[in-house]
């Protein structure tokens, strides 16, 4: 489970985030490149845009639930 205290500083402000347990597998970026991007120096993913619509939230939640390392968090859950 992602930990808010390990939230990467590159994440845009908001309830969803990626923490430091990310292993650069590329799954979230491949599934939702409009939300998740790769930090060039660390190689880790981070959230560049928070989902706003119900459809976008459902999409990010699906990706959160399939993250192999549980590195994606929702601090509003």
N, C-alpha and C. Protein backbone atom coordinates (compact mmCIF):
# COMPACT_ATOMS: atom_id res chain seq x y z
N UNK A 1 0.83 -1.17 0.00
CA UNK A 1 0.00 0.00 0.00
C UNK A 1 0.88 1.25 0.00
N UNK A 2 0.56 2.20 -0.85
CA UNK A 2 1.31 3.44 -0.92
C UNK A 2 1.22 4.18 0.41
N UNK A 3 2.28 4.89 0.72
CA UNK A 3 2.36 5.61 1.99
C UNK A 3 2.49 7.10 1.71
N UNK A 4 1.59 7.87 2.29
CA UNK A 4 1.58 9.31 2.07
C UNK A 4 2.91 9.95 2.48
N UNK A 5 3.53 9.45 3.52
CA UNK A 5 4.81 10.03 3.96
C UNK A 5 5.94 9.75 2.96
N UNK A 6 5.74 8.76 2.08
CA UNK A 6 6.74 8.44 1.05
C UNK A 6 6.35 8.99 -0.33
N UNK A 7 5.36 9.86 -0.34
CA UNK A 7 4.89 10.48 -1.58
C UNK A 7 6.05 11.20 -2.26
N UNK A 8 6.21 10.95 -3.57
CA UNK A 8 7.28 11.62 -4.32
C UNK A 8 6.94 13.10 -4.48
N UNK A 9 7.92 13.98 -4.33
CA UNK A 9 7.65 15.42 -4.40
C UNK A 9 7.24 15.89 -5.80
N UNK A 10 7.50 15.11 -6.83
CA UNK A 10 7.14 15.50 -8.19
C UNK A 10 5.64 15.43 -8.46
N UNK A 11 4.90 14.69 -7.64
CA UNK A 11 3.46 14.56 -7.84
C UNK A 11 2.78 15.92 -7.76
N UNK A 12 1.81 16.14 -8.63
CA UNK A 12 1.01 17.34 -8.56
C UNK A 12 0.16 17.26 -7.28
N UNK A 13 -0.15 18.38 -6.70
CA UNK A 13 -0.94 18.41 -5.48
C UNK A 13 -2.31 17.77 -5.71
N UNK A 14 -2.78 17.03 -4.72
CA UNK A 14 -4.09 16.41 -4.80
C UNK A 14 -4.11 15.06 -4.12
N UNK A 15 -5.23 14.39 -4.20
CA UNK A 15 -5.43 13.16 -3.43
C UNK A 15 -4.68 11.95 -3.96
N UNK A 16 -4.41 11.88 -5.27
CA UNK A 16 -3.69 10.73 -5.84
C UNK A 16 -2.21 11.05 -5.96
N UNK A 17 -1.39 10.01 -5.78
CA UNK A 17 0.06 10.21 -5.82
C UNK A 17 0.75 8.87 -6.05
N UNK A 18 2.03 8.94 -6.38
CA UNK A 18 2.90 7.77 -6.46
C UNK A 18 3.94 7.95 -5.36
N UNK A 19 4.26 6.84 -4.67
CA UNK A 19 5.27 6.95 -3.61
C UNK A 19 6.59 6.32 -4.05
N UNK A 20 7.55 6.32 -3.17
CA UNK A 20 8.91 5.90 -3.50
C UNK A 20 9.07 4.39 -3.68
N UNK A 21 8.02 3.62 -3.51
CA UNK A 21 8.12 2.17 -3.75
C UNK A 21 7.98 1.82 -5.23
N UNK A 22 7.77 2.81 -6.08
CA UNK A 22 7.67 2.60 -7.53
C UNK A 22 8.95 1.94 -8.05
N UNK A 23 8.78 0.99 -8.99
CA UNK A 23 9.94 0.29 -9.56
C UNK A 23 10.14 0.57 -11.05
N UNK A 24 9.47 1.60 -11.57
CA UNK A 24 9.62 1.99 -12.97
C UNK A 24 9.19 0.88 -13.93
N UNK A 25 8.08 0.22 -13.62
CA UNK A 25 7.61 -0.87 -14.50
C UNK A 25 6.90 -0.33 -15.74
N UNK A 26 6.46 0.92 -15.73
CA UNK A 26 5.83 1.60 -16.86
C UNK A 26 4.34 1.28 -17.03
N UNK A 27 3.77 0.45 -16.18
CA UNK A 27 2.37 0.07 -16.34
C UNK A 27 1.43 1.27 -16.27
N UNK A 28 1.55 2.09 -15.26
CA UNK A 28 0.63 3.22 -15.12
C UNK A 28 0.82 4.21 -16.26
N UNK A 29 2.04 4.42 -16.68
CA UNK A 29 2.30 5.36 -17.78
C UNK A 29 1.76 4.83 -19.10
N UNK A 30 1.83 3.52 -19.30
CA UNK A 30 1.31 2.93 -20.53
C UNK A 30 -0.21 2.98 -20.56
N UNK A 31 -0.84 2.81 -19.41
CA UNK A 31 -2.30 2.79 -19.34
C UNK A 31 -2.93 4.18 -19.30
N UNK A 32 -2.22 5.14 -18.74
CA UNK A 32 -2.79 6.49 -18.59
C UNK A 32 -1.69 7.55 -18.67
N UNK A 33 -1.10 7.72 -19.84
CA UNK A 33 -0.01 8.69 -19.98
C UNK A 33 -0.44 10.14 -19.75
N UNK A 34 -1.72 10.41 -19.80
CA UNK A 34 -2.17 11.77 -19.52
C UNK A 34 -2.14 12.09 -18.03
N UNK A 35 -2.04 11.06 -17.19
CA UNK A 35 -1.95 11.26 -15.74
C UNK A 35 -0.56 10.96 -15.19
N UNK A 36 0.06 9.89 -15.67
CA UNK A 36 1.33 9.42 -15.11
C UNK A 36 2.47 9.65 -16.09
N UNK A 37 3.58 10.17 -15.58
CA UNK A 37 4.78 10.39 -16.38
C UNK A 37 5.99 9.87 -15.62
N UNK A 38 7.11 9.77 -16.31
CA UNK A 38 8.35 9.26 -15.73
C UNK A 38 9.29 10.41 -15.42
N UNK A 39 9.80 10.43 -14.21
CA UNK A 39 10.81 11.41 -13.83
C UNK A 39 12.13 10.97 -14.46
N UNK A 40 12.70 11.79 -15.28
CA UNK A 40 13.89 11.42 -16.05
C UNK A 40 15.10 11.07 -15.19
N UNK A 41 15.28 11.74 -14.08
CA UNK A 41 16.45 11.47 -13.23
C UNK A 41 16.28 10.21 -12.38
N UNK A 42 15.13 10.08 -11.73
CA UNK A 42 14.92 8.93 -10.83
C UNK A 42 14.38 7.71 -11.56
N UNK A 43 13.70 7.93 -12.69
CA UNK A 43 13.07 6.83 -13.41
C UNK A 43 11.74 6.42 -12.83
N UNK A 44 11.30 7.07 -11.78
CA UNK A 44 10.05 6.70 -11.13
C UNK A 44 8.88 7.47 -11.74
N UNK A 45 7.71 6.86 -11.65
CA UNK A 45 6.50 7.52 -12.14
C UNK A 45 6.00 8.52 -11.11
N UNK A 46 5.27 9.50 -11.59
CA UNK A 46 4.57 10.41 -10.70
C UNK A 46 3.32 10.92 -11.42
N UNK A 47 2.41 11.49 -10.66
CA UNK A 47 1.16 11.98 -11.21
C UNK A 47 1.36 13.42 -11.66
N UNK A 48 1.13 13.65 -12.96
CA UNK A 48 1.30 15.01 -13.49
C UNK A 48 -0.01 15.79 -13.51
N UNK A 49 -1.13 15.07 -13.37
CA UNK A 49 -2.45 15.71 -13.40
C UNK A 49 -3.40 14.87 -12.57
N UNK A 50 -4.18 15.52 -11.72
CA UNK A 50 -5.17 14.81 -10.92
C UNK A 50 -6.42 14.55 -11.77
N UNK A 51 -7.05 13.39 -11.58
CA UNK A 51 -8.29 13.13 -12.30
C UNK A 51 -9.40 14.03 -11.74
N UNK A 52 -10.28 14.49 -12.62
CA UNK A 52 -11.35 15.39 -12.19
C UNK A 52 -12.74 14.82 -12.44
N UNK A 53 -12.93 14.18 -13.58
CA UNK A 53 -14.25 13.65 -13.89
C UNK A 53 -14.42 12.27 -13.25
N UNK A 54 -15.65 11.84 -13.14
CA UNK A 54 -15.93 10.51 -12.58
C UNK A 54 -15.25 9.42 -13.41
N UNK A 55 -15.23 9.60 -14.71
CA UNK A 55 -14.58 8.64 -15.60
C UNK A 55 -13.07 8.60 -15.36
N UNK A 56 -12.45 9.76 -15.22
CA UNK A 56 -11.01 9.82 -14.96
C UNK A 56 -10.67 9.24 -13.60
N UNK A 57 -11.48 9.52 -12.61
CA UNK A 57 -11.25 8.98 -11.27
C UNK A 57 -11.35 7.46 -11.30
N UNK A 58 -12.35 6.93 -11.99
CA UNK A 58 -12.49 5.47 -12.10
C UNK A 58 -11.27 4.87 -12.79
N UNK A 59 -10.77 5.54 -13.80
CA UNK A 59 -9.60 5.05 -14.52
C UNK A 59 -8.36 5.01 -13.63
N UNK A 60 -8.11 6.08 -12.90
CA UNK A 60 -6.95 6.12 -12.00
C UNK A 60 -7.13 5.10 -10.87
N UNK A 61 -8.33 4.94 -10.37
CA UNK A 61 -8.59 3.93 -9.34
C UNK A 61 -8.31 2.52 -9.86
N UNK A 62 -8.68 2.24 -11.11
CA UNK A 62 -8.38 0.93 -11.70
C UNK A 62 -6.87 0.70 -11.76
N UNK A 63 -6.14 1.72 -12.17
CA UNK A 63 -4.68 1.60 -12.25
C UNK A 63 -4.10 1.45 -10.85
N UNK A 64 -4.60 2.20 -9.90
CA UNK A 64 -4.16 2.07 -8.50
C UNK A 64 -4.33 0.63 -8.03
N UNK A 65 -5.47 0.03 -8.34
CA UNK A 65 -5.77 -1.33 -7.89
C UNK A 65 -4.97 -2.41 -8.60
N UNK A 66 -4.37 -2.10 -9.74
CA UNK A 66 -3.58 -3.10 -10.47
C UNK A 66 -2.08 -2.86 -10.37
N UNK A 67 -1.66 -1.83 -9.65
CA UNK A 67 -0.23 -1.54 -9.51
C UNK A 67 0.44 -2.69 -8.78
N UNK A 68 1.43 -3.28 -9.43
CA UNK A 68 2.11 -4.47 -8.89
C UNK A 68 2.79 -4.22 -7.56
N UNK A 69 3.24 -3.00 -7.32
CA UNK A 69 3.93 -2.69 -6.07
C UNK A 69 3.08 -1.84 -5.12
N UNK A 70 1.83 -1.60 -5.49
CA UNK A 70 0.92 -0.77 -4.67
C UNK A 70 1.55 0.59 -4.37
N UNK A 71 2.16 1.17 -5.38
CA UNK A 71 2.87 2.45 -5.22
C UNK A 71 1.99 3.66 -5.47
N UNK A 72 0.77 3.45 -5.91
CA UNK A 72 -0.13 4.55 -6.19
C UNK A 72 -1.09 4.68 -5.01
N UNK A 73 -1.19 5.90 -4.49
CA UNK A 73 -2.03 6.11 -3.32
C UNK A 73 -3.15 7.08 -3.58
N UNK A 74 -4.11 7.04 -2.68
CA UNK A 74 -5.27 7.92 -2.68
C UNK A 74 -5.43 8.38 -1.25
N UNK A 75 -5.00 9.60 -0.93
CA UNK A 75 -5.06 10.04 0.45
C UNK A 75 -6.45 10.50 0.86
N UNK A 76 -7.41 10.39 -0.05
CA UNK A 76 -8.79 10.73 0.28
C UNK A 76 -9.62 9.48 0.55
N UNK A 77 -8.98 8.31 0.47
CA UNK A 77 -9.72 7.06 0.64
C UNK A 77 -9.82 6.67 2.10
